Structure formats: structure tokens, C-alpha cells
N, C-alpha and C. Protein backbone atom coordinates (compact mmCIF):
# COMPACT_ATOMS: atom_id res chain seq x y z
N MET A 1 9.31 3.73 -20.84
CA MET A 1 8.42 3.81 -19.82
C MET A 1 8.97 3.62 -18.54
N GLY A 2 8.17 4.34 -17.91
CA GLY A 2 8.77 4.67 -16.55
C GLY A 2 8.51 3.48 -15.48
N ASP A 3 9.40 3.72 -14.37
CA ASP A 3 9.10 2.91 -13.13
C ASP A 3 7.80 3.33 -12.28
N LEU A 4 7.31 2.41 -11.36
CA LEU A 4 6.62 2.81 -10.53
C LEU A 4 7.01 2.45 -9.22
N LEU A 5 6.76 3.47 -8.39
CA LEU A 5 7.54 3.10 -7.21
C LEU A 5 6.50 3.00 -6.20
N LEU A 6 6.42 2.45 -5.38
CA LEU A 6 5.51 2.61 -4.18
C LEU A 6 6.30 2.76 -3.00
N ALA A 7 5.11 3.50 -2.12
CA ALA A 7 5.98 4.19 -0.60
C ALA A 7 4.66 3.63 0.22
N ARG A 8 4.94 2.65 1.17
CA ARG A 8 4.28 2.63 2.08
C ARG A 8 4.21 3.73 3.58
N HIS A 9 3.33 3.86 3.88
CA HIS A 9 3.37 5.08 4.66
C HIS A 9 3.63 4.87 6.23
N GLY A 10 4.11 5.94 7.01
CA GLY A 10 5.36 5.61 7.74
C GLY A 10 4.22 4.58 9.27
N GLU A 11 4.82 4.25 10.24
CA GLU A 11 4.12 3.74 11.38
C GLU A 11 3.00 4.78 12.13
N THR A 12 1.80 4.22 12.20
CA THR A 12 1.01 4.44 13.28
C THR A 12 0.73 3.73 14.58
N GLU A 13 0.10 3.98 15.15
CA GLU A 13 0.25 3.03 16.51
C GLU A 13 -0.50 2.20 16.24
N TRP A 14 -1.39 1.58 15.38
CA TRP A 14 -2.26 0.60 15.23
C TRP A 14 -1.04 -0.41 14.13
N SER A 15 -0.58 0.35 13.36
CA SER A 15 0.49 -0.95 12.79
C SER A 15 2.04 -1.34 13.57
N ARG A 16 2.32 -0.07 14.48
CA ARG A 16 3.18 -0.35 15.36
C ARG A 16 2.82 -1.83 16.59
N THR A 17 1.48 -2.13 16.51
CA THR A 17 1.09 -2.98 17.79
C THR A 17 0.75 -3.70 16.71
N GLY A 18 0.30 -3.90 15.29
CA GLY A 18 0.04 -5.02 14.89
C GLY A 18 -1.59 -5.55 14.55
N ARG A 19 -2.52 -4.25 15.00
CA ARG A 19 -3.74 -4.04 14.70
C ARG A 19 -3.93 -3.80 13.39
N HIS A 20 -5.09 -4.25 12.54
CA HIS A 20 -5.67 -4.30 11.26
C HIS A 20 -6.19 -2.55 11.08
N THR A 21 -5.53 -2.20 10.46
CA THR A 21 -5.82 -1.05 10.12
C THR A 21 -6.35 -0.48 8.79
N GLY A 22 -7.85 -0.50 8.35
CA GLY A 22 -8.19 -0.34 6.71
C GLY A 22 -8.52 0.81 7.16
N ARG A 23 -10.11 1.26 7.19
CA ARG A 23 -10.79 2.47 7.16
C ARG A 23 -10.66 3.43 8.22
N THR A 24 -9.77 3.54 9.41
CA THR A 24 -9.89 3.94 10.61
C THR A 24 -8.58 5.19 10.04
N ASP A 25 -8.79 6.43 10.21
CA ASP A 25 -8.07 7.40 9.85
C ASP A 25 -7.10 7.74 11.25
N LEU A 26 -6.00 7.05 11.21
CA LEU A 26 -4.70 7.20 12.12
C LEU A 26 -3.87 8.51 11.55
N PRO A 27 -3.63 9.13 12.63
CA PRO A 27 -2.17 9.84 12.06
C PRO A 27 -0.84 8.72 12.59
N LEU A 28 0.22 9.49 11.83
CA LEU A 28 1.51 8.84 12.28
C LEU A 28 1.93 9.11 13.59
N THR A 29 2.73 7.96 13.63
CA THR A 29 3.44 8.19 15.07
C THR A 29 4.58 9.31 15.03
N PRO A 30 5.45 9.78 15.83
CA PRO A 30 6.80 10.60 15.59
C PRO A 30 7.42 9.64 14.82
N ARG A 31 7.89 8.52 15.22
CA ARG A 31 8.44 7.11 14.56
C ARG A 31 8.02 7.51 13.00
N GLY A 32 7.13 7.50 12.84
CA GLY A 32 6.17 7.41 11.47
C GLY A 32 7.05 8.78 10.98
N GLU A 33 6.44 9.56 11.27
CA GLU A 33 6.89 11.17 10.76
C GLU A 33 8.64 10.45 10.08
N ALA A 34 9.32 10.31 11.28
CA ALA A 34 10.36 10.33 10.89
C ALA A 34 11.03 9.11 9.58
N GLN A 35 10.36 8.27 9.76
CA GLN A 35 10.46 6.88 8.48
C GLN A 35 9.93 8.00 7.30
N ALA A 36 8.48 8.52 7.16
CA ALA A 36 8.04 9.44 6.27
C ALA A 36 9.23 9.95 5.89
N GLY A 37 10.20 11.27 6.40
CA GLY A 37 11.03 12.30 6.02
C GLY A 37 12.02 11.61 5.30
N SER A 38 12.21 10.11 6.22
CA SER A 38 13.27 9.21 5.48
C SER A 38 13.36 8.94 3.91
N LEU A 39 12.33 8.84 3.32
CA LEU A 39 12.08 8.77 1.97
C LEU A 39 12.56 9.55 1.22
N ALA A 40 12.40 10.67 1.66
CA ALA A 40 12.60 12.22 0.84
C ALA A 40 13.89 11.95 0.17
N PRO A 41 15.32 11.37 0.33
CA PRO A 41 16.48 11.72 0.06
C PRO A 41 16.41 10.20 -0.96
N LEU A 42 15.70 8.97 -1.13
CA LEU A 42 15.21 8.11 -2.06
C LEU A 42 14.79 8.85 -3.38
N LEU A 43 13.73 9.73 -2.90
CA LEU A 43 13.13 10.25 -4.12
C LEU A 43 13.38 11.62 -4.69
N ALA A 44 14.35 12.02 -3.73
CA ALA A 44 15.14 13.37 -4.24
C ALA A 44 15.48 13.10 -6.08
N GLY A 45 15.34 14.21 -6.72
CA GLY A 45 16.61 14.25 -7.95
C GLY A 45 15.56 13.19 -9.03
N ARG A 46 14.36 12.62 -8.50
CA ARG A 46 13.64 11.79 -9.89
C ARG A 46 12.08 13.07 -9.77
N SER A 47 11.79 12.82 -11.12
CA SER A 47 10.31 13.62 -11.55
C SER A 47 9.46 12.24 -11.94
N PHE A 48 8.42 13.26 -11.49
CA PHE A 48 7.23 12.23 -11.66
C PHE A 48 6.40 12.66 -12.33
N GLY A 49 5.66 11.76 -13.24
CA GLY A 49 4.44 12.41 -14.65
C GLY A 49 2.94 12.22 -13.13
N LEU A 50 2.91 11.23 -12.62
CA LEU A 50 1.74 11.23 -11.60
C LEU A 50 2.64 11.18 -10.29
N VAL A 51 1.70 11.80 -9.03
CA VAL A 51 1.91 11.10 -7.64
C VAL A 51 0.67 11.14 -6.90
N LEU A 52 -0.10 9.77 -6.83
CA LEU A 52 -1.31 9.23 -6.25
C LEU A 52 -1.17 8.78 -4.63
N THR A 53 -1.93 9.46 -4.13
CA THR A 53 -2.05 8.52 -2.49
C THR A 53 -3.30 8.04 -2.23
N SER A 54 -3.45 7.29 -1.21
CA SER A 54 -4.52 6.97 -0.27
C SER A 54 -5.29 8.39 -0.16
N PRO A 55 -6.78 8.48 0.08
CA PRO A 55 -7.01 9.51 0.73
C PRO A 55 -6.90 9.67 2.44
N LEU A 56 -6.45 8.62 2.98
CA LEU A 56 -6.32 8.48 4.47
C LEU A 56 -5.00 9.54 4.59
N VAL A 57 -5.36 10.05 6.21
CA VAL A 57 -4.25 11.09 6.32
C VAL A 57 -2.84 9.93 6.43
N ARG A 58 -2.62 9.13 6.95
CA ARG A 58 -1.12 8.59 7.33
C ARG A 58 -0.47 8.37 5.91
N ALA A 59 -1.16 8.86 4.42
CA ALA A 59 -0.44 8.18 3.24
C ALA A 59 -0.52 9.38 2.95
N ARG A 60 -1.65 10.37 2.99
CA ARG A 60 -1.13 11.89 2.55
C ARG A 60 -0.10 13.10 3.35
N ARG A 61 -0.02 12.70 4.36
CA ARG A 61 1.25 12.94 5.62
C ARG A 61 2.17 12.47 5.04
N THR A 62 2.55 10.95 4.91
CA THR A 62 4.17 10.71 4.22
C THR A 62 4.06 10.91 3.33
N ALA A 63 3.39 11.24 1.97
CA ALA A 63 3.21 11.97 0.73
C ALA A 63 4.36 13.30 0.94
N GLU A 64 3.68 14.07 1.81
CA GLU A 64 4.29 15.47 1.87
C GLU A 64 5.50 15.42 2.77
N LEU A 65 5.76 14.54 3.42
CA LEU A 65 7.36 14.31 4.38
C LEU A 65 7.76 13.78 3.43
N ALA A 66 8.22 13.12 2.94
CA ALA A 66 8.90 12.76 1.75
C ALA A 66 9.33 13.56 0.46
N GLY A 67 8.43 14.88 0.51
CA GLY A 67 8.60 15.75 -0.42
C GLY A 67 8.14 15.86 -1.79
N LEU A 68 6.91 14.99 -1.54
CA LEU A 68 6.17 14.40 -3.13
C LEU A 68 5.07 15.78 -2.97
N THR A 69 5.19 16.47 -4.32
CA THR A 69 4.49 17.93 -4.27
C THR A 69 3.12 17.24 -5.51
N GLY A 70 2.57 17.88 -5.09
CA GLY A 70 1.11 17.93 -6.27
C GLY A 70 0.32 16.08 -6.43
N ALA A 71 0.81 15.64 -5.03
CA ALA A 71 -0.07 14.41 -4.71
C ALA A 71 -1.77 14.81 -5.07
N VAL A 72 -2.33 13.57 -5.59
CA VAL A 72 -3.54 13.53 -5.58
C VAL A 72 -4.07 12.50 -5.05
N PRO A 73 -5.22 12.46 -4.56
CA PRO A 73 -5.98 11.55 -3.38
C PRO A 73 -5.99 10.82 -4.66
N GLU A 74 -6.13 9.37 -4.37
CA GLU A 74 -6.72 8.33 -5.31
C GLU A 74 -7.76 7.41 -4.41
N PRO A 75 -9.00 7.28 -4.68
CA PRO A 75 -9.85 6.42 -3.55
C PRO A 75 -9.45 5.08 -3.51
N GLY A 76 -9.10 4.43 -5.01
CA GLY A 76 -8.78 3.17 -5.04
C GLY A 76 -7.66 2.59 -4.27
N LEU A 77 -6.48 3.64 -3.68
CA LEU A 77 -5.18 3.22 -2.78
C LEU A 77 -5.74 2.89 -1.43
N ARG A 78 -6.83 3.15 -1.03
CA ARG A 78 -7.17 2.95 0.49
C ARG A 78 -6.89 1.20 0.73
N GLU A 79 -6.58 1.45 2.21
CA GLU A 79 -6.30 0.11 2.70
C GLU A 79 -7.80 -0.81 2.15
N TRP A 80 -7.08 -2.13 2.39
CA TRP A 80 -8.16 -3.40 2.53
C TRP A 80 -8.97 -2.85 3.67
N ASP A 81 -10.48 -3.06 3.41
CA ASP A 81 -11.90 -3.27 4.60
C ASP A 81 -11.53 -4.50 5.14
N TYR A 82 -11.12 -4.09 6.44
CA TYR A 82 -11.09 -5.64 7.25
C TYR A 82 -12.54 -5.78 8.13
N GLY A 83 -13.32 -4.99 6.99
CA GLY A 83 -14.95 -5.80 8.02
C GLY A 83 -14.58 -5.94 9.41
N GLY A 84 -15.28 -6.79 10.28
CA GLY A 84 -15.04 -7.10 11.74
C GLY A 84 -13.82 -7.34 12.33
N TYR A 85 -13.03 -7.29 11.46
CA TYR A 85 -11.73 -7.13 11.96
C TYR A 85 -10.83 -6.38 11.98
N GLU A 86 -11.53 -5.04 11.66
CA GLU A 86 -10.58 -3.87 11.78
C GLU A 86 -10.21 -3.34 13.25
N GLY A 87 -9.06 -3.30 13.28
CA GLY A 87 -8.60 -2.77 15.00
C GLY A 87 -8.18 -3.88 15.60
N ILE A 88 -7.94 -4.95 15.24
CA ILE A 88 -8.20 -6.43 16.34
C ILE A 88 -6.48 -6.99 15.36
N THR A 89 -5.83 -7.40 15.90
CA THR A 89 -4.46 -8.20 15.41
C THR A 89 -4.82 -9.68 15.17
N THR A 90 -4.00 -10.27 14.78
CA THR A 90 -3.62 -11.40 13.78
C THR A 90 -4.27 -12.56 15.13
N ALA A 91 -3.19 -11.90 16.28
CA ALA A 91 -3.55 -13.08 17.27
C ALA A 91 -4.45 -12.85 17.76
N ASP A 92 -5.19 -12.14 18.15
CA ASP A 92 -6.59 -12.29 18.47
C ASP A 92 -7.60 -12.53 17.73
N ILE A 93 -7.14 -12.83 16.22
CA ILE A 93 -8.23 -13.12 15.46
C ILE A 93 -8.32 -14.69 15.65
N ARG A 94 -7.12 -15.29 15.85
CA ARG A 94 -6.48 -16.69 15.93
C ARG A 94 -6.91 -17.23 17.41
N ARG A 95 -7.58 -16.68 17.99
CA ARG A 95 -7.73 -17.11 19.62
C ARG A 95 -9.45 -17.62 19.00
N THR A 96 -9.99 -17.22 18.35
CA THR A 96 -11.76 -18.09 17.77
C THR A 96 -11.44 -18.39 16.37
N ARG A 97 -10.49 -18.12 15.46
CA ARG A 97 -10.63 -18.80 14.60
C ARG A 97 -8.79 -19.26 14.16
N PRO A 98 -8.62 -20.42 14.68
CA PRO A 98 -7.00 -20.84 14.93
C PRO A 98 -6.58 -20.75 13.51
N GLY A 99 -5.51 -20.48 12.83
CA GLY A 99 -4.94 -20.77 11.96
C GLY A 99 -5.80 -19.95 10.63
N TRP A 100 -6.53 -18.98 11.04
CA TRP A 100 -6.99 -17.68 10.32
C TRP A 100 -5.89 -17.25 9.65
N ASP A 101 -6.11 -16.71 8.20
CA ASP A 101 -5.02 -16.22 7.27
C ASP A 101 -6.10 -15.17 6.56
N LEU A 102 -5.60 -13.66 6.58
CA LEU A 102 -6.15 -12.99 5.58
C LEU A 102 -6.43 -13.15 4.11
N TRP A 103 -5.53 -13.77 3.61
CA TRP A 103 -5.10 -14.30 2.09
C TRP A 103 -5.85 -15.09 1.43
N THR A 104 -6.58 -15.89 2.33
CA THR A 104 -6.85 -16.83 1.69
C THR A 104 -8.89 -17.36 3.03
N ASP A 105 -8.33 -16.77 3.77
CA ASP A 105 -9.63 -16.60 4.86
C ASP A 105 -11.05 -15.44 4.64
N GLY A 106 -10.46 -14.21 4.31
CA GLY A 106 -11.11 -13.11 4.13
C GLY A 106 -11.25 -12.68 5.45
N VAL A 107 -12.23 -11.79 5.72
CA VAL A 107 -12.68 -11.32 6.68
C VAL A 107 -14.24 -11.32 6.60
N PRO A 108 -14.89 -11.06 8.24
CA PRO A 108 -16.63 -10.99 8.17
C PRO A 108 -16.78 -9.42 7.92
N PRO A 109 -17.96 -9.11 7.87
CA PRO A 109 -18.40 -7.56 7.54
C PRO A 109 -18.28 -7.26 8.95
N GLY A 110 -18.36 -6.09 9.08
CA GLY A 110 -18.07 -5.66 10.97
C GLY A 110 -19.60 -4.74 10.58
N ARG A 111 -19.55 -3.70 12.00
CA ARG A 111 -20.51 -2.95 12.32
C ARG A 111 -20.89 -1.74 10.97
N GLU A 112 -19.54 -1.18 11.31
CA GLU A 112 -18.82 0.03 10.42
C GLU A 112 -18.41 -0.30 9.19
N PHE A 113 -17.82 -1.33 8.88
CA PHE A 113 -17.16 -1.26 7.61
C PHE A 113 -17.59 -3.05 7.20
N PRO A 114 -17.82 -2.70 5.73
CA PRO A 114 -18.29 -4.37 4.73
C PRO A 114 -17.67 -5.45 5.13
N GLY A 115 -16.52 -5.08 5.04
CA GLY A 115 -15.05 -6.07 5.02
C GLY A 115 -14.88 -6.26 3.05
N GLU A 116 -13.77 -6.41 2.88
CA GLU A 116 -13.32 -7.19 1.41
C GLU A 116 -12.66 -8.22 1.38
N SER A 117 -13.05 -8.86 0.12
CA SER A 117 -12.23 -10.04 -0.14
C SER A 117 -11.19 -9.86 -0.85
N ALA A 118 -9.94 -10.44 -0.96
CA ALA A 118 -8.68 -10.60 -1.85
C ALA A 118 -9.08 -9.95 -3.32
N GLU A 119 -9.88 -10.95 -3.49
CA GLU A 119 -10.53 -10.59 -5.17
C GLU A 119 -10.94 -9.03 -5.35
N GLN A 120 -11.80 -8.46 -4.43
CA GLN A 120 -12.23 -7.06 -4.48
C GLN A 120 -10.47 -6.07 -4.13
N VAL A 121 -10.14 -6.47 -3.49
CA VAL A 121 -9.04 -5.47 -3.18
C VAL A 121 -8.09 -5.43 -4.77
N GLY A 122 -7.78 -6.76 -5.41
CA GLY A 122 -7.67 -6.91 -6.79
C GLY A 122 -7.79 -6.14 -7.67
N GLU A 123 -9.52 -5.83 -7.91
CA GLU A 123 -10.07 -4.79 -8.26
C GLU A 123 -9.98 -3.71 -8.58
N ARG A 124 -9.98 -3.18 -7.10
CA ARG A 124 -9.41 -1.94 -6.83
C ARG A 124 -8.08 -1.44 -7.55
N ALA A 125 -6.99 -2.74 -7.28
CA ALA A 125 -5.57 -2.49 -7.70
C ALA A 125 -5.46 -2.39 -9.28
N ASP A 126 -6.44 -2.98 -9.96
CA ASP A 126 -6.77 -3.19 -11.22
C ASP A 126 -7.07 -1.85 -11.74
N ARG A 127 -7.96 -1.44 -11.04
CA ARG A 127 -8.37 0.23 -11.70
C ARG A 127 -7.46 1.55 -11.60
N VAL A 128 -6.77 1.17 -10.55
CA VAL A 128 -5.68 1.98 -10.65
C VAL A 128 -4.48 1.58 -11.39
N LEU A 129 -4.54 0.53 -11.72
CA LEU A 129 -3.17 0.06 -12.72
C LEU A 129 -3.57 0.53 -14.13
N SER A 130 -5.07 0.31 -14.20
CA SER A 130 -5.27 1.04 -15.60
C SER A 130 -5.39 2.73 -15.81
N ARG A 131 -5.61 3.18 -14.35
CA ARG A 131 -5.79 4.73 -14.50
C ARG A 131 -4.00 5.31 -14.59
N LEU A 132 -2.96 4.47 -14.19
CA LEU A 132 -1.68 5.29 -14.22
C LEU A 132 -0.90 4.43 -15.83
N ALA A 133 -1.11 3.72 -16.19
CA ALA A 133 -1.04 3.16 -17.72
C ALA A 133 -0.40 4.06 -18.00
N GLY A 134 -1.43 5.22 -18.92
CA GLY A 134 -0.74 6.32 -19.81
C GLY A 134 0.34 7.31 -19.26
N ALA A 135 0.11 7.39 -17.65
CA ALA A 135 1.40 8.19 -17.15
C ALA A 135 2.79 7.14 -17.25
N LEU A 136 2.31 6.18 -17.25
CA LEU A 136 3.94 5.17 -17.00
C LEU A 136 4.32 5.29 -18.25
N ASP A 137 3.53 5.56 -19.79
CA ASP A 137 4.23 5.65 -21.12
C ASP A 137 5.04 6.50 -20.85
N GLU A 138 4.73 7.99 -19.96
CA GLU A 138 5.90 9.20 -19.99
C GLU A 138 6.50 9.53 -19.13
N GLY A 139 6.57 8.42 -18.07
CA GLY A 139 7.64 8.45 -16.67
C GLY A 139 7.22 7.77 -15.56
N ASP A 140 8.23 7.92 -15.11
CA ASP A 140 7.99 7.40 -13.22
C ASP A 140 6.53 7.93 -12.66
N VAL A 141 5.93 6.76 -12.09
CA VAL A 141 5.08 7.10 -11.19
C VAL A 141 4.86 6.99 -10.13
N VAL A 142 4.44 7.46 -8.61
CA VAL A 142 4.61 6.81 -7.36
C VAL A 142 3.37 6.86 -6.92
N LEU A 143 3.34 5.85 -5.97
CA LEU A 143 1.89 5.69 -5.15
C LEU A 143 2.19 5.44 -3.51
N VAL A 144 1.84 6.65 -2.68
CA VAL A 144 1.59 6.55 -1.55
C VAL A 144 0.35 5.83 -0.85
N ALA A 145 0.55 4.41 -0.42
CA ALA A 145 -0.60 4.04 0.25
C ALA A 145 -0.62 3.21 1.28
N HIS A 146 -0.87 1.56 1.54
CA HIS A 146 -0.90 1.17 2.73
C HIS A 146 -0.29 -0.25 2.45
N GLY A 147 0.16 -0.96 3.38
CA GLY A 147 0.84 -2.36 3.08
C GLY A 147 0.06 -3.42 2.37
N HIS A 148 -1.47 -4.18 2.66
CA HIS A 148 -1.61 -5.17 2.23
C HIS A 148 -2.36 -4.74 0.52
N LEU A 149 -2.52 -3.38 0.26
CA LEU A 149 -3.15 -2.93 -1.03
C LEU A 149 -1.79 -2.57 -1.97
N LEU A 150 -0.93 -2.13 -1.57
CA LEU A 150 0.32 -2.30 -2.27
C LEU A 150 1.11 -3.95 -2.77
N ARG A 151 0.63 -4.67 -1.66
CA ARG A 151 1.13 -5.65 -1.88
C ARG A 151 0.24 -6.47 -3.06
N VAL A 152 -1.05 -6.21 -2.82
CA VAL A 152 -2.38 -6.82 -4.11
C VAL A 152 -1.70 -6.24 -5.17
N LEU A 153 -1.57 -5.10 -5.12
CA LEU A 153 -1.39 -4.27 -6.24
C LEU A 153 0.24 -4.59 -6.93
N THR A 154 1.18 -5.06 -6.16
CA THR A 154 2.22 -5.69 -7.18
C THR A 154 2.11 -7.18 -7.57
N ALA A 155 0.94 -7.77 -7.11
CA ALA A 155 0.91 -9.25 -7.40
C ALA A 155 0.17 -8.71 -8.78
N ARG A 156 -0.91 -7.88 -9.04
CA ARG A 156 -1.81 -7.85 -9.97
C ARG A 156 -0.64 -6.99 -11.09
N ARG A 157 0.10 -6.19 -11.01
CA ARG A 157 0.95 -5.91 -11.76
C ARG A 157 2.16 -6.59 -12.37
N LEU A 158 2.37 -7.58 -11.52
CA LEU A 158 3.37 -9.11 -11.99
C LEU A 158 2.62 -10.04 -12.99
N GLY A 159 1.15 -9.76 -12.56
CA GLY A 159 0.18 -10.44 -13.45
C GLY A 159 -0.19 -11.87 -12.59
N LEU A 160 -0.14 -11.98 -11.16
CA LEU A 160 -0.49 -13.30 -10.26
C LEU A 160 -2.09 -12.82 -9.40
N PRO A 161 -2.40 -13.63 -9.10
CA PRO A 161 -3.30 -13.30 -8.34
C PRO A 161 -3.81 -12.44 -7.19
N PRO A 162 -4.63 -11.84 -6.83
CA PRO A 162 -4.50 -11.08 -5.80
C PRO A 162 -3.76 -11.77 -4.51
N ALA A 163 -4.12 -12.57 -4.27
CA ALA A 163 -3.83 -13.37 -3.03
C ALA A 163 -2.48 -13.86 -2.97
N ASP A 164 -1.64 -13.12 -3.88
CA ASP A 164 -0.36 -13.71 -4.23
C ASP A 164 0.34 -12.55 -3.77
N GLY A 165 -0.06 -11.67 -3.07
CA GLY A 165 0.35 -10.80 -2.79
C GLY A 165 1.17 -11.07 -1.15
N ARG A 166 0.60 -12.30 -0.40
CA ARG A 166 0.87 -12.70 0.39
C ARG A 166 2.79 -12.91 0.26
N LEU A 167 3.36 -13.21 -0.70
CA LEU A 167 4.30 -13.32 -0.95
C LEU A 167 5.47 -11.81 -0.88
N PHE A 168 4.99 -10.97 -0.53
CA PHE A 168 5.47 -9.26 -0.64
C PHE A 168 5.41 -8.79 0.65
N ARG A 169 6.40 -9.30 1.55
CA ARG A 169 6.26 -8.29 3.00
C ARG A 169 6.72 -6.73 2.59
N LEU A 170 5.98 -6.02 3.24
CA LEU A 170 5.70 -4.89 3.05
C LEU A 170 6.30 -3.71 4.39
N ASP A 171 7.11 -3.23 4.69
CA ASP A 171 7.32 -2.81 6.01
C ASP A 171 6.68 -1.51 6.15
N THR A 172 6.85 -0.56 7.29
CA THR A 172 5.97 0.57 6.92
C THR A 172 7.48 1.77 6.70
N GLY A 173 7.14 2.88 6.06
CA GLY A 173 8.21 3.48 5.79
C GLY A 173 9.34 3.54 4.81
N SER A 174 8.82 2.49 3.95
CA SER A 174 9.86 1.54 2.63
C SER A 174 9.25 2.07 1.45
N LEU A 175 10.53 1.67 0.57
CA LEU A 175 9.98 2.53 -0.71
C LEU A 175 10.33 1.32 -1.53
N CYS A 176 9.29 0.97 -2.86
CA CYS A 176 9.53 -0.33 -3.45
C CYS A 176 9.73 0.20 -5.34
N ARG A 177 10.55 -0.17 -6.13
CA ARG A 177 10.28 -0.13 -7.15
C ARG A 177 9.98 -1.08 -8.18
N LEU A 178 8.75 -0.95 -9.20
CA LEU A 178 8.67 -2.07 -9.92
C LEU A 178 8.90 -1.25 -11.48
N SER A 179 9.57 -2.14 -12.05
CA SER A 179 10.23 -1.98 -13.47
C SER A 179 9.73 -2.98 -14.58
N LEU A 180 10.29 -2.98 -15.65
CA LEU A 180 10.57 -3.65 -16.87
C LEU A 180 11.62 -4.49 -17.04
N GLU A 181 11.53 -5.98 -17.62
CA GLU A 181 12.95 -6.03 -17.83
C GLU A 181 12.12 -7.25 -19.04
N HIS A 182 12.93 -6.78 -20.48
CA HIS A 182 12.67 -7.10 -21.39
C HIS A 182 10.82 -6.88 -21.89
N GLY A 183 10.73 -5.91 -21.36
CA GLY A 183 8.73 -5.78 -21.88
C GLY A 183 8.15 -6.43 -20.69
N SER A 184 8.22 -7.06 -19.65
CA SER A 184 7.40 -8.05 -18.80
C SER A 184 7.90 -6.74 -17.34
N PRO A 185 6.68 -6.72 -16.41
CA PRO A 185 7.15 -5.88 -15.19
C PRO A 185 7.91 -7.00 -14.42
N VAL A 186 8.48 -6.63 -13.50
CA VAL A 186 9.62 -7.24 -12.71
C VAL A 186 9.66 -6.33 -11.16
N VAL A 187 10.20 -7.18 -9.97
CA VAL A 187 10.39 -6.15 -8.97
C VAL A 187 11.44 -5.96 -9.55
N ALA A 188 12.16 -4.36 -9.03
CA ALA A 188 13.73 -4.29 -9.13
C ALA A 188 13.95 -3.89 -7.81
N GLU A 189 13.43 -3.41 -6.83
CA GLU A 189 13.85 -3.21 -5.45
C GLU A 189 12.44 -3.32 -4.73
N TRP A 190 13.34 -3.81 -3.19
CA TRP A 190 11.97 -3.74 -2.45
C TRP A 190 12.44 -3.85 -1.18
N ASN A 191 11.15 -3.06 -0.43
CA ASN A 191 11.79 -2.93 1.23
C ASN A 191 13.24 -1.78 1.55
N THR A 192 12.92 -0.87 0.49
CA THR A 192 14.19 -0.01 0.35
C THR A 192 14.17 1.57 1.43
N ARG A 193 15.37 0.97 2.31
CA ARG A 193 14.84 2.20 3.30
C ARG A 193 16.41 3.01 3.16
N PRO A 194 16.46 4.15 3.52
CA PRO A 194 17.61 4.61 3.81
C PRO A 194 18.71 3.97 4.58
């Protein structure tokens, strides 16, 4: 049984400033490109049976700069749809909704995007995990995607509810490894950087 490696894309202008970036397709900043390239030594020498990326440019570019070849876009790996909170910071949201928390309070629909609940993101994560189960039987798999989505996916891989993704802070340009211990999924490495 292989390991599941999770790579969060490098920095974008909105991730740098704390703006919720779901469906908006932003490029990496120069720092984000450097972060993505710095993942290459952590991945070097490993062979992957499957490499999946979010279809958004920030994830696809991260995979490219990290030296991952043969990456296949997977729509289920796109980031949480923040609906009416797309492009808005938590501090700005809390001005009108004091104490707001993404994991428990969710997002309102927006003009462009309908928004998703933690449970809906969890359902997408479950579908991705089902898709890669056979590949994990054959070897390592790497996913290149987004912070909140990968946190939910981690919770689901560990058998936790989607909202427990809140327990796993995930920085831009970092790598995580989920493995098995005595047949049960575990976090083997988290937020690794060179």
C-alpha cells in the first residue's frame, strides 16, 4: 500500500492577503513559484502511480514546477466554493458576522458561485479518495490542490467528519504525507518544506 502525498499550491496574491480563493483562477506570485519549485527535492526519487491536480492554474503550475509529470486534472480537487465570500477575508466577514467560522457556519450563495458546505466538500473528497484507492494499492499517489479542500480530504481519509479539517493547518507550498500504521490511515508528515 502506497502513501498519499498532498501538496498545497504555492502562494497567490489572494492567499498572501488572506482572501478566500475558491473558484477564482489566480496565478502564483513569484514567491509562490519559488515555493512550488522548492517541493521538487522533496518529491525527487519517488515514483507515483497517479498524480492528480486541481484543474485551477495555481495547482497545475505548482505540479509543473515541483517536477511532477503526467499530472491529470481532477475536478473534485478544486477548492471549497466560498459563494458570497469569494475574495473576502475572514476579518471582513466578521465585521458583519462576529465569530463567523467557515467550518461551522458555512458560506452564503454568491452572484457567481453557489457556495458549498463542509459536508458537500467532504462528499467531493470522498469521491476523489474512492477514485485513487486502486492506485494506492499499487504505490504512492500525489494530489496537488488547495488548503481547505486538502484539509477536508485529510479528515475524510482519517475517518473524521469533514469539519474536522479545521484541525489541520496547511501552509502554501507545503507537502504532507498520509500513510498507514497497522492498517489504519495516519498523518506521517505535515506542512513539510525543504
